[in-house]
Amino acid sequence: MSDITSLKIQGKVLSPESPDYQKALHRNSDLSILDAAYVVQPEAYTDIPPVLAYATSHGLEVAVTGGGCHSSTWASSKGGVVIDLGRLNKVTLSADKKVVTIQGGARWGDVYEVGGKEQREIPGAPLWFVGVGGSLLSGASGYLSGRYSLGIDNLVAATVVLADGRIVRTSAEDEPDLFWAIRGGGNQFGIVVEFELRTYPAPGPATTGTLIYPGTEFDGEFHEQASVDEKLTVVWARPGPHFKPTIIVAPWISAGAERSPHQILEPLRIKATPVVDKITTAPDQTTLSHASDASQARAPRRLQIRGGAFSKFWTDIMVGSWERWVKFTEDNEDARASTLIWDVRNPGAITKVGPTDTAYPIRKPHCFVAIQGRWVSFSIHLIEETADHLPPCMIRNTRPETDEVTSAWLRSIADFIREANTANSGEDLGVILTMAKGDELPEAVFGQNLPRLRKLKAKYDPKNVWSKGFTIEPDFS
């Protein structure tokens, strides 16, 4: 019987014996890695249908990876087939520069480099290494979202490989149901191999930088800002060598903002004096997307992520979250790299889109927090010192008990934020798909859009080929 390596495709098929196999398994979190039977790296869209046909006829699970940044195993498969879109990463601007066409394996850094050369901005995720496909299908929130809304709200059209092997173009006019579903429904309706997004003129260099305060300055109060051209990223961290609770504030101020950077940042300097006050400019989105490279390089790779949406920076949410984070990182020394990252912004244009206009349901005014659980085990300390002498299986050594502790803390603090916000506001905002782990109720993730999504799942993926990710059960009634 022939195997998948005999398929006539332009791309590569990797098995555990292939030299590049281990590299192909790499993910942003070591906890996201599973050993696939095959990793297929297409060179053309037409490579994908025969791979799907082979996998489904042999009962093999199918997973798709672009950036591989989610901390779950959604882009991996144990014993199945992983379709790695990394070779399909071309980015091109239209002749009038108003639309950018992005292949499904591109990362946002690829997009921003092309846009920067032509002084165009593209609404997308804030970090260069995040895959376009995974983030866009879940919303894609970033610096420009207040003014231009989410990435999905700027999607003009897309090309999708369906579960039955058909390759279709979808837009508001062509396959409109599919177009609605992929804008917030996640990876449940096909492999999007090409996106077409609106672009906008770049107003000029943005103001950015870092203000750092000792954790003793934390008073539980945050103040939302008015302008859609301003955003603060507030990080609670324990940087070495002292590992004391610390507040890191990273501003982003568009060159198009009405107020000056001095006016915007002055309150942050009056209320408390930062121990570090380094404000600079970033010429383009590419530079901004690389702002956290140094901290990412040092961060432990045993990463789990959850998060939450909330309507206001309620004092009880801030104080309660602070106390829980401080206690967890004090009680678990190896978890001191765990952080909370608060997005302080005016949601602006996000709220101008109706909750049923796309599959993305959270359109009420809100901000969000990303909760990162990072663990450094004793085995990892040894690996850092002796990695050159250890085989790959040792480098990927894990301690499940620490993962369970971190997972339980992540869930508890995410639940606390959601429940406290519901109590304060009278409305449950649910769970943001990019920060879901898969154990939440689907109603919490997709809200009132879930019934329609289930109907469309039955239409476009009746056999549930796309079973990885936050799975939507088909409704055949």
Protein backbone atom coordinates (compact mmCIF):
# COMPACT_ATOMS: atom_id res chain seq x y z
CA MET A 1 0.00 0.00 0.00
CA SER A 2 1.39 3.43 -0.94
CA ASP A 3 2.00 5.96 1.80
CA ILE A 4 1.75 9.74 1.91
CA THR A 5 5.31 10.18 0.66
CA SER A 6 4.22 8.80 -2.73
CA LEU A 7 1.82 11.71 -3.35
CA LYS A 8 2.76 13.83 -6.35
CA ILE A 9 3.03 17.27 -4.77
CA GLN A 10 5.47 20.15 -5.17
CA GLY A 11 6.19 20.48 -1.46
CA LYS A 12 7.98 18.27 1.06
CA VAL A 13 6.73 15.41 3.22
CA LEU A 14 8.67 14.92 6.44
CA SER A 15 8.60 11.83 8.63
CA PRO A 16 10.42 11.21 11.94
CA GLU A 17 13.43 9.98 9.94
CA SER A 18 13.71 13.24 7.93
CA PRO A 19 16.57 15.63 8.82
CA ASP A 20 14.21 18.62 9.15
CA TYR A 21 11.50 16.80 11.11
CA GLN A 22 12.43 18.08 14.60
CA LYS A 23 12.70 21.65 13.33
CA ALA A 24 9.25 21.35 11.77
CA LEU A 25 7.77 20.36 15.14
CA HIS A 26 8.99 23.59 16.79
CA ARG A 27 6.29 25.75 18.40
CA ASN A 28 6.28 28.91 20.50
CA SER A 29 5.62 26.78 23.58
CA ASP A 30 7.36 23.47 24.18
CA LEU A 31 4.08 22.24 25.63
CA SER A 32 2.50 22.59 22.17
CA ILE A 33 4.75 19.97 20.56
CA LEU A 34 3.38 16.57 19.55
CA ASP A 35 5.09 13.96 17.39
CA ALA A 36 3.29 13.81 14.06
CA ALA A 37 3.41 10.84 11.73
CA TYR A 38 4.00 13.26 8.86
CA VAL A 39 4.61 16.97 8.41
CA VAL A 40 3.66 18.20 4.94
CA GLN A 41 5.07 21.53 3.74
CA PRO A 42 3.11 22.61 0.64
CA GLU A 43 4.69 24.73 -2.08
CA ALA A 44 1.38 25.34 -3.86
CA TYR A 45 -2.28 25.47 -2.84
CA THR A 46 -2.92 22.44 -5.03
CA ASP A 47 -0.59 20.37 -2.81
CA ILE A 48 -3.15 20.40 -0.02
CA PRO A 49 -6.22 18.54 -1.45
CA PRO A 50 -4.38 15.23 -2.08
CA VAL A 51 -2.91 15.39 1.42
CA LEU A 52 -6.38 15.87 2.89
CA ALA A 53 -7.73 13.00 0.81
CA TYR A 54 -4.94 10.71 2.01
CA ALA A 55 -5.36 11.68 5.67
CA THR A 56 -9.13 11.29 5.74
CA SER A 57 -9.07 7.97 3.85
CA HIS A 58 -6.54 6.58 6.35
CA GLY A 59 -8.25 7.95 9.46
CA LEU A 60 -5.40 10.32 10.31
CA GLU A 61 -6.00 13.48 12.32
CA VAL A 62 -5.22 16.71 10.44
CA ALA A 63 -3.64 19.75 12.08
CA VAL A 64 -2.55 22.99 10.43
CA THR A 65 0.27 25.28 11.52
CA GLY A 66 1.24 28.75 10.41
CA GLY A 67 3.01 30.61 13.21
CA GLY A 68 2.54 27.90 15.85
CA CYS A 69 2.06 30.50 18.59
CA HIS A 70 -0.96 29.19 20.47
CA SER A 71 0.09 27.54 23.71
CA SER A 72 -2.23 24.58 23.15
CA THR A 73 -1.58 21.62 20.84
CA TRP A 74 -4.06 22.91 18.26
CA ALA A 75 -1.35 23.19 15.58
CA SER A 76 0.16 19.78 16.33
CA SER A 77 -0.95 16.15 16.08
CA LYS A 78 0.27 13.02 17.79
CA GLY A 79 0.48 10.37 15.07
CA GLY A 80 -1.46 12.46 12.56
CA VAL A 81 -0.68 14.75 9.63
CA VAL A 82 0.43 18.34 10.17
CA ILE A 83 0.08 20.68 7.20
CA ASP A 84 2.80 23.29 7.71
CA LEU A 85 2.03 26.41 5.66
CA GLY A 86 5.42 28.02 6.34
CA ARG A 87 6.55 27.86 2.71
CA LEU A 88 3.40 29.69 1.57
CA ASN A 89 4.41 33.06 2.99
CA LYS A 90 4.37 35.49 0.07
CA VAL A 91 3.07 39.03 0.72
CA THR A 92 2.21 41.46 -2.09
CA LEU A 93 0.65 44.92 -2.27
CA SER A 94 -1.87 45.83 -4.96
CA ALA A 95 -0.89 48.42 -7.56
CA ASP A 96 -2.81 51.13 -5.70
CA LYS A 97 -1.35 49.94 -2.35
CA LYS A 98 -4.82 49.75 -0.80
CA VAL A 99 -4.95 45.96 -0.46
CA VAL A 100 -2.29 43.50 0.68
CA THR A 101 -2.48 39.83 -0.33
CA ILE A 102 -1.00 37.50 2.28
CA GLN A 103 -0.42 33.78 1.96
CA GLY A 104 -1.58 31.65 4.86
CA GLY A 105 1.89 30.74 6.13
CA ALA A 106 3.13 34.32 6.50
CA ARG A 107 3.84 35.89 9.84
CA TRP A 108 2.88 39.44 10.71
CA GLY A 109 6.52 40.46 10.47
CA ASP A 110 6.48 39.48 6.77
CA VAL A 111 3.40 41.67 6.27
CA TYR A 112 4.76 44.69 8.12
CA GLU A 113 8.03 44.62 6.21
CA VAL A 114 6.17 44.88 2.90
CA GLY A 115 3.83 47.57 4.23
CA GLY A 116 6.66 49.59 5.75
CA LYS A 117 8.50 49.88 2.45
CA GLU A 118 5.47 51.61 0.96
CA GLN A 119 4.42 53.58 4.06
CA ARG A 120 1.26 51.52 4.53
CA GLU A 121 -0.16 50.22 7.81
CA ILE A 122 -2.04 46.94 8.12
CA PRO A 123 -4.33 46.08 11.06
CA GLY A 124 -2.92 42.91 12.59
CA ALA A 125 -1.35 41.33 15.65
CA PRO A 126 1.37 43.23 17.55
CA LEU A 127 4.19 40.64 17.42
CA TRP A 128 6.18 39.76 14.30
CA PHE A 129 6.37 36.00 14.94
CA VAL A 130 2.61 35.49 15.24
CA GLY A 131 1.12 33.66 12.26
CA VAL A 132 -1.30 35.66 10.15
CA GLY A 133 -3.71 32.76 9.63
CA GLY A 134 -4.33 31.68 13.20
CA SER A 135 -4.65 35.20 14.57
CA LEU A 136 -6.82 36.51 11.72
CA LEU A 137 -9.31 33.65 11.92
CA SER A 138 -9.74 34.51 15.60
CA GLY A 139 -9.95 38.30 15.20
CA ALA A 140 -6.42 39.80 15.10
CA SER A 141 -6.26 42.66 17.58
CA GLY A 142 -3.34 45.06 17.63
CA TYR A 143 -2.14 48.65 17.81
CA LEU A 144 -4.46 49.88 15.04
CA SER A 145 -7.64 48.18 16.26
CA GLY A 146 -9.04 51.24 18.01
CA ARG A 147 -8.98 53.24 14.79
CA TYR A 148 -9.46 50.55 12.11
CA SER A 149 -10.99 47.68 14.11
CA LEU A 150 -9.85 44.05 14.10
CA GLY A 151 -7.92 42.41 11.29
CA ILE A 152 -10.99 40.39 10.30
CA ASP A 153 -12.98 43.61 9.87
CA ASN A 154 -10.49 44.65 7.18
CA LEU A 155 -10.63 41.35 5.31
CA VAL A 156 -11.73 41.88 1.70
CA ALA A 157 -11.56 38.28 0.48
CA ALA A 158 -9.85 34.96 1.16
CA THR A 159 -8.94 31.72 -0.60
CA VAL A 160 -9.87 28.58 1.31
CA VAL A 161 -9.12 24.89 0.85
CA LEU A 162 -12.25 23.08 2.02
CA ALA A 163 -12.36 19.68 3.70
CA ASP A 164 -13.57 18.03 0.48
CA GLY A 165 -10.54 19.38 -1.42
CA ARG A 166 -12.23 22.23 -3.26
CA ILE A 167 -10.32 25.52 -3.40
CA VAL A 168 -12.71 28.47 -3.26
CA ARG A 169 -12.51 32.24 -3.07
CA THR A 170 -14.76 33.78 -0.49
CA SER A 171 -15.88 37.37 0.05
CA ALA A 172 -19.05 39.30 0.80
CA GLU A 173 -20.26 38.31 -2.70
CA ASP A 174 -18.69 34.86 -3.16
CA GLU A 175 -19.47 32.15 -0.61
CA PRO A 176 -20.72 34.80 1.85
CA ASP A 177 -21.58 32.24 4.55
CA LEU A 178 -18.00 31.00 4.54
CA PHE A 179 -16.72 34.58 4.57
CA TRP A 180 -18.81 35.29 7.65
CA ALA A 181 -17.66 32.12 9.43
CA ILE A 182 -13.90 32.55 8.95
CA ARG A 183 -14.05 36.03 10.46
CA GLY A 184 -13.97 34.90 14.07
CA GLY A 185 -14.95 31.24 13.83
CA GLY A 186 -11.37 30.01 14.08
CA ASN A 187 -9.88 27.17 12.05
CA GLN A 188 -13.08 25.15 11.80
CA PHE A 189 -14.09 25.75 8.17
CA GLY A 190 -11.04 25.14 6.02
CA ILE A 191 -7.41 26.05 5.46
CA VAL A 192 -7.20 29.72 4.49
CA VAL A 193 -4.24 29.86 2.13
CA GLU A 194 -4.64 33.51 1.12
CA PHE A 195 -6.00 36.66 2.76
CA GLU A 196 -6.70 40.05 1.18
CA LEU A 197 -6.63 42.92 3.69
CA ARG A 198 -7.16 46.66 3.45
CA THR A 199 -4.17 48.88 4.13
CA TYR A 200 -3.96 52.48 5.33
CA PRO A 201 -1.49 55.36 4.94
CA ALA A 202 1.14 55.39 7.68
CA PRO A 203 0.97 58.69 9.64
CA GLY A 204 4.64 58.56 10.62
CA PRO A 205 6.79 57.24 13.49
CA ALA A 206 4.94 56.13 16.62
CA THR A 207 6.02 57.01 20.15
CA THR A 208 6.86 53.98 22.25
CA GLY A 209 9.24 52.89 24.99
CA THR A 210 9.15 51.70 28.60
CA LEU A 211 8.22 53.08 32.00
CA ILE A 212 9.05 50.77 34.92
CA TYR A 213 7.75 51.05 38.48
CA PRO A 214 8.36 48.95 41.59
CA GLY A 215 5.36 46.84 42.54
CA THR A 216 4.97 48.88 45.72
CA GLU A 217 3.54 51.65 43.53
CA PHE A 218 0.56 49.48 42.54
CA ASP A 219 -2.67 50.96 43.92
CA GLY A 220 -5.27 49.01 41.96
CA GLU A 221 -6.32 51.93 39.77
CA PHE A 222 -6.13 52.10 35.99
CA HIS A 223 -7.46 54.93 33.89
CA GLU A 224 -8.79 54.26 30.42
CA GLN A 225 -7.74 56.75 27.79
CA ALA A 226 -10.00 58.54 25.33
CA SER A 227 -8.14 58.41 22.05
CA VAL A 228 -8.11 55.46 19.62
CA ASP A 229 -4.56 56.53 18.70
CA GLU A 230 -3.15 55.73 22.14
CA LYS A 231 -2.59 52.41 23.87
CA LEU A 232 -0.76 51.18 26.94
CA THR A 233 0.50 47.65 27.47
CA VAL A 234 0.90 47.11 31.21
CA VAL A 235 2.89 44.06 32.29
CA TRP A 236 3.15 42.62 35.79
CA ALA A 237 6.48 40.81 35.95
CA ARG A 238 9.27 39.66 38.26
CA PRO A 239 12.49 40.50 36.40
CA GLY A 240 15.79 39.20 37.68
CA PRO A 241 18.01 39.38 39.59
CA HIS A 242 15.77 40.44 42.49
CA PHE A 243 12.50 38.96 41.13
CA LYS A 244 10.38 41.52 42.95
CA PRO A 245 6.91 42.38 41.61
CA THR A 246 7.34 45.07 38.99
CA ILE A 247 5.01 47.10 36.77
CA ILE A 248 6.18 47.70 33.20
CA VAL A 249 4.24 50.19 31.08
CA ALA A 250 4.84 50.21 27.32
CA PRO A 251 3.02 53.10 25.60
CA TRP A 252 2.10 53.28 21.94
CA ILE A 253 1.09 56.67 20.60
CA SER A 254 0.34 57.08 16.91
CA ALA A 255 1.87 60.00 15.05
CA GLY A 256 -1.74 60.87 14.20
CA ALA A 257 -2.80 61.31 17.85
CA GLU A 258 -4.38 64.66 18.72
CA ARG A 259 -2.53 65.01 22.03
CA SER A 260 1.24 65.16 22.27
CA PRO A 261 3.19 62.25 23.80
CA HIS A 262 4.12 64.56 26.69
CA GLN A 263 0.45 65.26 27.48
CA ILE A 264 -0.43 61.59 27.32
CA LEU A 265 2.49 60.35 29.42
CA GLU A 266 2.58 63.15 32.00
CA PRO A 267 -0.01 61.55 34.34
CA LEU A 268 2.08 58.36 34.41
CA ARG A 269 5.05 60.39 35.66
CA ILE A 270 3.19 62.53 38.18
CA LYS A 271 1.37 59.82 40.11
CA ALA A 272 4.57 57.81 40.64
CA THR A 273 8.15 58.25 39.58
CA PRO A 274 9.30 55.47 37.26
CA VAL A 275 12.68 53.91 38.00
CA VAL A 276 13.13 53.56 34.25
CA ASP A 277 11.75 56.17 31.85
CA LYS A 278 12.88 55.45 28.32
CA ILE A 279 10.66 56.86 25.59
CA THR A 280 11.64 56.65 21.95
CA THR A 281 10.08 56.37 18.50
CA ALA A 282 9.42 53.43 16.21
CA PRO A 283 9.51 54.27 12.49
CA ASP A 284 7.10 51.52 11.41
CA GLN A 285 5.10 48.44 12.37
CA THR A 286 8.08 46.17 11.78
CA THR A 287 10.07 47.90 14.51
CA LEU A 288 7.10 47.85 16.88
CA SER A 289 6.55 44.14 16.28
CA HIS A 290 10.13 43.40 17.41
CA ALA A 291 9.90 45.47 20.62
CA SER A 292 9.67 42.45 22.93
CA ASP A 293 12.30 40.29 21.21
CA ALA A 294 14.77 40.46 24.10
CA SER A 295 12.25 39.41 26.74
CA GLN A 296 10.87 36.68 24.49
CA ALA A 297 14.35 35.26 23.97
CA ARG A 298 14.89 34.96 27.72
CA ALA A 299 11.42 33.69 28.57
CA PRO A 300 11.02 30.03 29.60
CA ARG A 301 9.47 27.99 26.81
CA ARG A 302 7.13 26.00 29.05
CA LEU A 303 4.30 28.41 28.29
CA GLN A 304 0.55 28.28 28.83
CA ILE A 305 -1.81 31.16 28.05
CA ARG A 306 -5.32 32.12 29.02
CA GLY A 307 -6.93 35.52 29.10
CA GLY A 308 -10.04 37.55 29.66
CA ALA A 309 -12.17 40.37 28.34
CA PHE A 310 -13.59 42.94 30.72
CA SER A 311 -15.61 46.11 30.31
CA LYS A 312 -13.67 48.37 32.70
CA PHE A 313 -10.60 48.31 34.91
CA TRP A 314 -12.62 47.64 38.04
CA THR A 315 -10.55 48.12 41.20
CA ASP A 316 -11.60 44.77 42.66
CA ILE A 317 -10.47 42.98 39.47
CA MET A 318 -7.10 44.71 39.51
CA VAL A 319 -6.41 44.19 43.22
CA GLY A 320 -7.71 40.62 43.21
CA SER A 321 -5.62 39.71 40.16
CA TRP A 322 -2.52 41.33 41.65
CA GLU A 323 -2.87 39.43 44.92
CA ARG A 324 -3.39 36.12 43.11
CA TRP A 325 -0.42 36.66 40.81
CA VAL A 326 1.92 37.74 43.64
CA LYS A 327 0.95 34.75 45.78
CA PHE A 328 1.32 32.23 42.93
CA THR A 329 4.76 33.49 41.90
CA GLU A 330 5.92 33.62 45.53
CA ASP A 331 4.64 30.15 46.37
CA ASN A 332 6.11 28.68 43.16
CA GLU A 333 9.64 29.97 42.69
CA ASP A 334 10.06 28.32 39.30
CA ALA A 335 6.94 30.14 38.05
CA ARG A 336 8.33 33.63 38.60
CA ALA A 337 8.37 34.26 34.85
CA SER A 338 4.55 34.10 34.83
CA THR A 339 3.01 37.45 33.89
CA LEU A 340 -0.22 39.34 33.36
CA ILE A 341 -0.32 41.61 30.32
CA TRP A 342 -3.09 44.24 30.36
CA ASP A 343 -4.24 45.99 27.19
CA VAL A 344 -5.29 49.52 28.14
CA ARG A 345 -7.02 51.14 25.19
CA ASN A 346 -10.13 52.63 23.66
CA PRO A 347 -11.74 49.81 21.61
CA GLY A 348 -13.14 52.41 19.24
CA ALA A 349 -13.88 50.91 15.84
CA ILE A 350 -14.22 47.36 17.22
CA THR A 351 -17.53 48.37 18.77
CA LYS A 352 -18.83 49.86 15.50
CA VAL A 353 -19.27 46.35 14.06
CA GLY A 354 -22.35 44.43 15.13
CA PRO A 355 -21.98 41.23 17.20
CA THR A 356 -23.54 39.14 14.41
CA ASP A 357 -21.94 40.94 11.45
CA THR A 358 -19.01 38.55 11.72
CA ALA A 359 -18.52 35.37 13.75
CA TYR A 360 -16.49 37.38 16.30
CA PRO A 361 -19.05 38.19 19.01
CA ILE A 362 -17.35 40.54 21.51
CA ARG A 363 -18.29 43.99 20.25
CA LYS A 364 -19.19 45.73 23.50
CA PRO A 365 -16.59 48.21 24.80
CA HIS A 366 -13.86 46.15 26.42
CA CYS A 367 -10.18 45.67 27.12
CA PHE A 368 -8.40 42.39 27.69
CA VAL A 369 -5.67 40.71 29.67
CA ALA A 370 -3.34 37.89 28.62
CA ILE A 371 -2.29 35.61 31.47
CA GLN A 372 0.97 33.78 30.79
CA GLY A 373 2.05 30.86 32.93
CA ARG A 374 5.75 30.15 32.42
CA TRP A 375 7.62 27.49 34.39
CA VAL A 376 11.34 26.81 34.66
CA SER A 377 11.95 23.32 36.02
CA PHE A 378 15.21 21.92 37.43
CA SER A 379 15.60 19.87 34.25
CA ILE A 380 15.45 23.04 32.17
CA HIS A 381 18.17 24.67 34.29
CA LEU A 382 20.39 21.67 33.55
CA ILE A 383 19.55 21.88 29.87
CA GLU A 384 20.58 25.54 29.69
CA GLU A 385 24.00 24.58 30.99
CA THR A 386 24.51 21.36 29.03
CA ALA A 387 22.16 21.55 26.04
CA ASP A 388 24.94 20.89 23.54
CA HIS A 389 25.50 17.47 25.08
CA LEU A 390 21.88 16.36 25.35
CA PRO A 391 19.75 14.65 22.70
CA PRO A 392 16.46 16.29 21.56
CA CYS A 393 14.36 13.93 23.71
CA MET A 394 16.10 15.27 26.84
CA ILE A 395 15.78 18.88 25.75
CA ARG A 396 12.02 18.34 25.55
CA ASN A 397 11.89 16.76 29.01
CA THR A 398 8.73 17.76 30.92
CA ARG A 399 7.38 17.62 34.44
CA PRO A 400 3.59 17.15 34.13
CA GLU A 401 2.96 18.05 37.76
CA THR A 402 4.23 21.60 37.20
CA ASP A 403 2.10 21.95 34.09
CA GLU A 404 -0.97 20.97 36.09
CA VAL A 405 -0.19 23.52 38.81
CA THR A 406 0.24 26.28 36.23
CA SER A 407 -2.88 25.27 34.33
CA ALA A 408 -5.00 25.33 37.48
CA TRP A 409 -3.73 28.81 38.39
CA LEU A 410 -4.37 30.14 34.89
CA ARG A 411 -7.92 28.89 34.93
CA SER A 412 -8.62 30.21 38.43
CA ILE A 413 -7.44 33.74 37.66
CA ALA A 414 -9.19 33.83 34.28
CA ASP A 415 -12.42 32.67 35.93
CA PHE A 416 -12.00 35.28 38.67
CA ILE A 417 -11.64 38.12 36.14
CA ARG A 418 -14.61 36.95 34.09
CA GLU A 419 -16.88 36.42 37.09
CA ALA A 420 -15.90 39.72 38.74
CA ASN A 421 -16.48 41.64 35.52
CA THR A 422 -19.90 40.00 35.10
CA ALA A 423 -20.84 40.91 38.66
CA ASN A 424 -19.70 44.52 38.22
CA SER A 425 -21.08 45.15 34.74
CA GLY A 426 -24.09 42.86 34.69
CA GLU A 427 -22.91 41.30 31.44
CA ASP A 428 -20.74 38.28 30.68
CA LEU A 429 -18.35 39.14 27.83
CA GLY A 430 -17.34 35.51 27.39
CA VAL A 431 -13.92 34.23 26.31
CA ILE A 432 -11.68 35.55 23.54
CA LEU A 433 -10.91 32.71 21.13
CA THR A 434 -7.16 33.39 20.91
CA MET A 435 -6.93 33.04 24.69
CA ALA A 436 -9.17 29.99 25.04
CA LYS A 437 -7.70 26.62 26.01
CA GLY A 438 -10.48 24.44 24.61
CA ASP A 439 -12.09 23.41 27.89
CA GLU A 440 -14.49 26.38 27.96
CA LEU A 441 -18.11 26.13 26.85
CA PRO A 442 -18.48 27.00 23.14
CA GLU A 443 -21.27 29.41 24.05
CA ALA A 444 -18.71 31.43 26.02
CA VAL A 445 -16.42 31.73 23.00
CA PHE A 446 -18.91 32.26 20.16
CA GLY A 447 -21.91 33.67 22.02
CA GLN A 448 -25.06 34.20 20.00
CA ASN A 449 -23.20 33.23 16.81
CA LEU A 450 -22.77 29.59 17.85
CA PRO A 451 -26.03 28.24 16.31
CA ARG A 452 -25.18 29.69 12.89
CA LEU A 453 -21.61 28.47 13.14
CA ARG A 454 -22.82 24.94 13.88
CA LYS A 455 -25.04 25.02 10.80
CA LEU A 456 -22.15 26.22 8.65
CA LYS A 457 -19.87 23.59 10.14
CA ALA A 458 -22.31 20.97 8.85
CA LYS A 459 -22.25 22.67 5.45
CA TYR A 460 -18.50 23.08 5.00
CA ASP A 461 -17.04 20.33 7.20
CA PRO A 462 -19.70 17.66 7.79
CA LYS A 463 -17.12 14.95 8.62
CA ASN A 464 -15.32 17.15 11.15
CA VAL A 465 -11.97 17.02 9.38
CA TRP A 466 -11.04 20.21 11.22
CA SER A 467 -11.14 18.69 14.69
CA LYS A 468 -8.18 20.60 16.13
CA GLY A 469 -8.65 23.92 17.86
CA PHE A 470 -11.84 25.06 19.53
CA THR A 471 -14.08 22.48 17.88
CA ILE A 472 -17.54 23.46 16.67
CA GLU A 473 -19.96 20.54 16.57
CA PRO A 474 -21.93 20.43 13.28
CA ASP A 475 -25.70 20.84 13.39
CA PHE A 476 -27.39 18.73 10.71
CA SER A 477 -30.97 19.50 11.75
